[in-house]
PDB file of N, CA and C in Angstrom:
ATOM      1  N   MET A   1      -5.783  11.586  14.718  1.00  0.00           N
ATOM      2  CA  MET A   1      -4.787  12.631  14.665  1.00  0.00           C
ATOM      3  C   MET A   1      -5.309  13.748  13.767  1.00  0.00           C
ATOM      4  N   THR A   2      -5.180  14.960  14.227  1.00  0.00           N
ATOM      5  CA  THR A   2      -5.585  16.121  13.449  1.00  0.00           C
ATOM      6  C   THR A   2      -4.372  16.673  12.710  1.00  0.00           C
ATOM      7  N   LEU A   3      -4.545  16.910  11.422  1.00  0.00           N
ATOM      8  CA  LEU A   3      -3.453  17.430  10.601  1.00  0.00           C
ATOM      9  C   LEU A   3      -3.449  18.954  10.602  1.00  0.00           C
ATOM     10  N   PRO A   4      -2.271  19.565  10.543  1.00  0.00           N
ATOM     11  CA  PRO A   4      -2.194  21.021  10.414  1.00  0.00           C
ATOM     12  C   PRO A   4      -2.869  21.472   9.114  1.00  0.00           C
ATOM     13  N   LYS A   5      -3.551  22.593   9.152  1.00  0.00           N
ATOM     14  CA  LYS A   5      -4.239  23.124   7.973  1.00  0.00           C
ATOM     15  C   LYS A   5      -3.266  23.809   7.009  1.00  0.00           C
ATOM     16  N   ASP A   6      -2.272  24.502   7.536  1.00  0.00           N
ATOM     17  CA  ASP A   6      -1.295  25.206   6.709  1.00  0.00           C
ATOM     18  C   ASP A   6      -0.415  24.187   5.984  1.00  0.00           C
ATOM     19  N   PRO A   7      -0.325  24.257   4.652  1.00  0.00           N
ATOM     20  CA  PRO A   7       0.437  23.250   3.907  1.00  0.00           C
ATOM     21  C   PRO A   7       1.932  23.217   4.228  1.00  0.00           C
ATOM     22  N   ILE A   8       2.532  24.347   4.566  1.00  0.00           N
ATOM     23  CA  ILE A   8       3.963  24.372   4.908  1.00  0.00           C
ATOM     24  C   ILE A   8       4.198  23.661   6.245  1.00  0.00           C
ATOM     25  N   ILE A   9       3.329  23.909   7.200  1.00  0.00           N
ATOM     26  CA  ILE A   9       3.440  23.235   8.496  1.00  0.00           C
ATOM     27  C   ILE A   9       3.132  21.749   8.334  1.00  0.00           C
ATOM     28  N   LEU A  10       2.151  21.429   7.493  1.00  0.00           N
ATOM     29  CA  LEU A  10       1.826  20.030   7.209  1.00  0.00           C
ATOM     30  C   LEU A  10       3.028  19.317   6.604  1.00  0.00           C
ATOM     31  N   LEU A  11       3.711  19.956   5.677  1.00  0.00           N
ATOM     32  CA  LEU A  11       4.900  19.385   5.049  1.00  0.00           C
ATOM     33  C   LEU A  11       5.946  19.025   6.100  1.00  0.00           C
ATOM     34  N   SER A  12       6.240  19.948   6.962  1.00  0.00           N
ATOM     35  CA  SER A  12       7.226  19.708   8.015  1.00  0.00           C
ATOM     36  C   SER A  12       6.772  18.589   8.946  1.00  0.00           C
ATOM     37  N   PHE A  13       5.521  18.621   9.322  1.00  0.00           N
ATOM     38  CA  PHE A  13       4.948  17.626  10.227  1.00  0.00           C
ATOM     39  C   PHE A  13       5.040  16.215   9.629  1.00  0.00           C
ATOM     40  N   ILE A  14       4.584  16.070   8.384  1.00  0.00           N
ATOM     41  CA  ILE A  14       4.569  14.758   7.736  1.00  0.00           C
ATOM     42  C   ILE A  14       5.986  14.250   7.482  1.00  0.00           C
ATOM     43  N   ASN A  15       6.869  15.100   6.983  1.00  0.00           N
ATOM     44  CA  ASN A  15       8.240  14.653   6.723  1.00  0.00           C
ATOM     45  C   ASN A  15       8.970  14.265   8.004  1.00  0.00           C
ATOM     46  N   THR A  16       8.688  14.957   9.094  1.00  0.00           N
ATOM     47  CA  THR A  16       9.283  14.595  10.382  1.00  0.00           C
ATOM     48  C   THR A  16       8.788  13.227  10.831  1.00  0.00           C
ATOM     49  N   LYS A  17       7.486  13.001  10.723  1.00  0.00           N
ATOM     50  CA  LYS A  17       6.920  11.698  11.096  1.00  0.00           C
ATOM     51  C   LYS A  17       7.511  10.591  10.233  1.00  0.00           C
ATOM     52  N   LEU A  18       7.626  10.843   8.924  1.00  0.00           N
ATOM     53  CA  LEU A  18       8.189   9.838   8.024  1.00  0.00           C
ATOM     54  C   LEU A  18       9.645   9.545   8.369  1.00  0.00           C
ATOM     55  N   ARG A  19      10.403  10.575   8.660  1.00  0.00           N
ATOM     56  CA  ARG A  19      11.826  10.403   8.981  1.00  0.00           C
ATOM     57  C   ARG A  19      12.021   9.673  10.308  1.00  0.00           C
ATOM     58  N   ASP A  20      11.240  10.051  11.319  1.00  0.00           N
ATOM     59  CA  ASP A  20      11.499   9.552  12.669  1.00  0.00           C
ATOM     60  C   ASP A  20      10.728   8.295  13.066  1.00  0.00           C
ATOM     61  N   TYR A  21       9.557   8.073  12.447  1.00  0.00           N
ATOM     62  CA  TYR A  21       8.695   7.013  12.971  1.00  0.00           C
ATOM     63  C   TYR A  21       8.163   6.003  11.955  1.00  0.00           C
ATOM     64  N   ASN A  22       8.098   6.342  10.689  1.00  0.00           N
ATOM     65  CA  ASN A  22       7.433   5.464   9.729  1.00  0.00           C
ATOM     66  C   ASN A  22       8.304   5.175   8.517  1.00  0.00           C
ATOM     67  N   SER A  23       8.188   3.953   8.017  1.00  0.00           N
ATOM     68  CA  SER A  23       8.997   3.534   6.878  1.00  0.00           C
ATOM     69  C   SER A  23       8.348   3.874   5.541  1.00  0.00           C
ATOM     70  N   SER A  24       7.086   4.324   5.566  1.00  0.00           N
ATOM     71  CA  SER A  24       6.402   4.710   4.332  1.00  0.00           C
ATOM     72  C   SER A  24       5.193   5.578   4.656  1.00  0.00           C
ATOM     73  N   LEU A  25       4.710   6.271   3.641  1.00  0.00           N
ATOM     74  CA  LEU A  25       3.503   7.082   3.808  1.00  0.00           C
ATOM     75  C   LEU A  25       2.317   6.189   4.118  1.00  0.00           C
ATOM     76  N   ASP A  26       2.262   5.042   3.497  1.00  0.00           N
ATOM     77  CA  ASP A  26       1.177   4.096   3.750  1.00  0.00           C
ATOM     78  C   ASP A  26       1.161   3.681   5.221  1.00  0.00           C
ATOM     79  N   ASP A  27       2.322   3.354   5.778  1.00  0.00           N
ATOM     80  CA  ASP A  27       2.408   2.987   7.198  1.00  0.00           C
ATOM     81  C   ASP A  27       1.955   4.137   8.094  1.00  0.00           C
ATOM     82  N   LEU A  28       2.407   5.340   7.788  1.00  0.00           N
ATOM     83  CA  LEU A  28       2.020   6.511   8.577  1.00  0.00           C
ATOM     84  C   LEU A  28       0.511   6.676   8.589  1.00  0.00           C
ATOM     85  N   CYS A  29      -0.099   6.574   7.420  1.00  0.00           N
ATOM     86  CA  CYS A  29      -1.548   6.767   7.310  1.00  0.00           C
ATOM     87  C   CYS A  29      -2.318   5.672   8.040  1.00  0.00           C
ATOM     88  N   LYS A  30      -1.903   4.428   7.869  1.00  0.00           N
ATOM     89  CA  LYS A  30      -2.583   3.315   8.542  1.00  0.00           C
ATOM     90  C   LYS A  30      -2.453   3.418  10.057  1.00  0.00           C
ATOM     91  N   GLU A  31      -1.267   3.741  10.521  1.00  0.00           N
ATOM     92  CA  GLU A  31      -1.009   3.818  11.958  1.00  0.00           C
ATOM     93  C   GLU A  31      -1.810   4.931  12.637  1.00  0.00           C
ATOM     94  N   ASN A  32      -2.053   6.017  11.899  1.00  0.00           N
ATOM     95  CA  ASN A  32      -2.698   7.184  12.499  1.00  0.00           C
ATOM     96  C   ASN A  32      -4.103   7.456  11.974  1.00  0.00           C
ATOM     97  N   GLY A  33      -4.636   6.560  11.153  1.00  0.00           N
ATOM     98  CA  GLY A  33      -5.988   6.729  10.627  1.00  0.00           C
ATOM     99  C   GLY A  33      -6.123   7.949   9.733  1.00  0.00           C
ATOM    100  N   LEU A  34      -5.116   8.186   8.903  1.00  0.00           N
ATOM    101  CA  LEU A  34      -5.108   9.354   8.024  1.00  0.00           C
ATOM    102  C   LEU A  34      -5.399   8.943   6.584  1.00  0.00           C
ATOM    103  N   SER A  35      -5.879   9.905   5.816  1.00  0.00           N
ATOM    104  CA  SER A  35      -6.136   9.672   4.401  1.00  0.00           C
ATOM    105  C   SER A  35      -4.919  10.087   3.583  1.00  0.00           C
ATOM    106  N   MET A  36      -4.341   9.126   2.879  1.00  0.00           N
ATOM    107  CA  MET A  36      -3.183   9.405   2.043  1.00  0.00           C
ATOM    108  C   MET A  36      -3.553  10.406   0.941  1.00  0.00           C
ATOM    109  N   GLU A  37      -4.744  10.258   0.399  1.00  0.00           N
ATOM    110  CA  GLU A  37      -5.186  11.141  -0.684  1.00  0.00           C
ATOM    111  C   GLU A  37      -5.281  12.590  -0.220  1.00  0.00           C
ATOM    112  N   ILE A  38      -5.791  12.808   0.976  1.00  0.00           N
ATOM    113  CA  ILE A  38      -5.913  14.178   1.505  1.00  0.00           C
ATOM    114  C   ILE A  38      -4.530  14.788   1.715  1.00  0.00           C
ATOM    115  N   ILE A  39      -3.610  14.021   2.274  1.00  0.00           N
ATOM    116  CA  ILE A  39      -2.250  14.528   2.492  1.00  0.00           C
ATOM    117  C   ILE A  39      -1.602  14.886   1.164  1.00  0.00           C
ATOM    118  N   LYS A  40      -1.683  13.970   0.201  1.00  0.00           N
ATOM    119  CA  LYS A  40      -1.086  14.233  -1.110  1.00  0.00           C
ATOM    120  C   LYS A  40      -1.722  15.442  -1.782  1.00  0.00           C
ATOM    121  N   GLU A  41      -3.030  15.569  -1.659  1.00  0.00           N
ATOM    122  CA  GLU A  41      -3.746  16.696  -2.267  1.00  0.00           C
ATOM    123  C   GLU A  41      -3.318  18.025  -1.650  1.00  0.00           C
ATOM    124  N   ARG A  42      -3.258  18.075  -0.327  1.00  0.00           N
ATOM    125  CA  ARG A  42      -2.882  19.318   0.363  1.00  0.00           C
ATOM    126  C   ARG A  42      -1.449  19.733   0.047  1.00  0.00           C
ATOM    127  N   LEU A  43      -0.549  18.753  -0.075  1.00  0.00           N
ATOM    128  CA  LEU A  43       0.841  19.093  -0.338  1.00  0.00           C
ATOM    129  C   LEU A  43       1.106  19.360  -1.820  1.00  0.00           C
ATOM    130  N   SER A  44       0.269  18.846  -2.680  1.00  0.00           N
ATOM    131  CA  SER A  44       0.431  19.139  -4.110  1.00  0.00           C
ATOM    132  C   SER A  44       0.132  20.607  -4.406  1.00  0.00           C
ATOM    133  N   VAL A  45      -0.658  21.245  -3.544  1.00  0.00           N
ATOM    134  CA  VAL A  45      -0.963  22.672  -3.699  1.00  0.00           C
ATOM    135  C   VAL A  45       0.311  23.514  -3.652  1.00  0.00           C
ATOM    136  N   ILE A  46       1.286  23.067  -2.877  1.00  0.00           N
ATOM    137  CA  ILE A  46       2.565  23.781  -2.796  1.00  0.00           C
ATOM    138  C   ILE A  46       3.654  23.053  -3.595  1.00  0.00           C
ATOM    139  N   ASP A  47       3.193  22.205  -4.503  1.00  0.00           N
ATOM    140  CA  ASP A  47       4.059  21.494  -5.450  1.00  0.00           C
ATOM    141  C   ASP A  47       5.037  20.523  -4.782  1.00  0.00           C
ATOM    142  N   TYR A  48       4.563  19.830  -3.762  1.00  0.00           N
ATOM    143  CA  TYR A  48       5.339  18.773  -3.113  1.00  0.00           C
ATOM    144  C   TYR A  48       4.637  17.451  -3.367  1.00  0.00           C
ATOM    145  N   HIS A  49       5.441  16.432  -3.677  1.00  0.00           N
ATOM    146  CA  HIS A  49       4.905  15.120  -3.997  1.00  0.00           C
ATOM    147  C   HIS A  49       5.730  14.065  -3.277  1.00  0.00           C
ATOM    148  N   TYR A  50       5.075  12.968  -2.925  1.00  0.00           N
ATOM    149  CA  TYR A  50       5.736  11.917  -2.164  1.00  0.00           C
ATOM    150  C   TYR A  50       6.725  11.144  -3.035  1.00  0.00           C
ATOM    151  N   ASP A  51       7.935  11.001  -2.529  1.00  0.00           N
ATOM    152  CA  ASP A  51       8.983  10.218  -3.179  1.00  0.00           C
ATOM    153  C   ASP A  51       9.192   8.968  -2.329  1.00  0.00           C
ATOM    154  N   GLU A  52       8.791   7.813  -2.854  1.00  0.00           N
ATOM    155  CA  GLU A  52       8.874   6.562  -2.110  1.00  0.00           C
ATOM    156  C   GLU A  52      10.306   6.167  -1.768  1.00  0.00           C
ATOM    157  N   VAL A  53      11.221   6.434  -2.675  1.00  0.00           N
ATOM    158  CA  VAL A  53      12.628   6.063  -2.452  1.00  0.00           C
ATOM    159  C   VAL A  53      13.215   6.860  -1.286  1.00  0.00           C
ATOM    160  N   ARG A  54      12.928   8.134  -1.241  1.00  0.00           N
ATOM    161  CA  ARG A  54      13.444   8.998  -0.170  1.00  0.00           C
ATOM    162  C   ARG A  54      12.554   8.972   1.070  1.00  0.00           C
ATOM    163  N   ASN A  55      11.338   8.459   0.930  1.00  0.00           N
ATOM    164  CA  ASN A  55      10.353   8.430   1.999  1.00  0.00           C
ATOM    165  C   ASN A  55      10.115   9.819   2.581  1.00  0.00           C
ATOM    166  N   GLN A  56       9.885  10.748   1.679  1.00  0.00           N
ATOM    167  CA  GLN A  56       9.561  12.108   2.089  1.00  0.00           C
ATOM    168  C   GLN A  56       8.877  12.839   0.945  1.00  0.00           C
ATOM    169  N   PHE A  57       8.258  13.961   1.287  1.00  0.00           N
ATOM    170  CA  PHE A  57       7.683  14.822   0.257  1.00  0.00           C
ATOM    171  C   PHE A  57       8.762  15.778  -0.198  1.00  0.00           C
ATOM    172  N   VAL A  58       8.942  15.841  -1.508  1.00  0.00           N
ATOM    173  CA  VAL A  58       9.967  16.705  -2.100  1.00  0.00           C
ATOM    174  C   VAL A  58       9.373  17.549  -3.197  1.00  0.00           C
TER     175      VAL A  58
END
């Protein structure tokens, strides 16, 4: 799976996947062969961080 380059679009994309299809960021990454570190790094640029309790980037 190719991730969007724009961090705002990436945020929307990842949060939608987490809400609709995956119970955790770890599950999303494993299922789609994605790097959790890269996602967290790209979203930290816009000051968003993964909240495990809410299962979304906030």
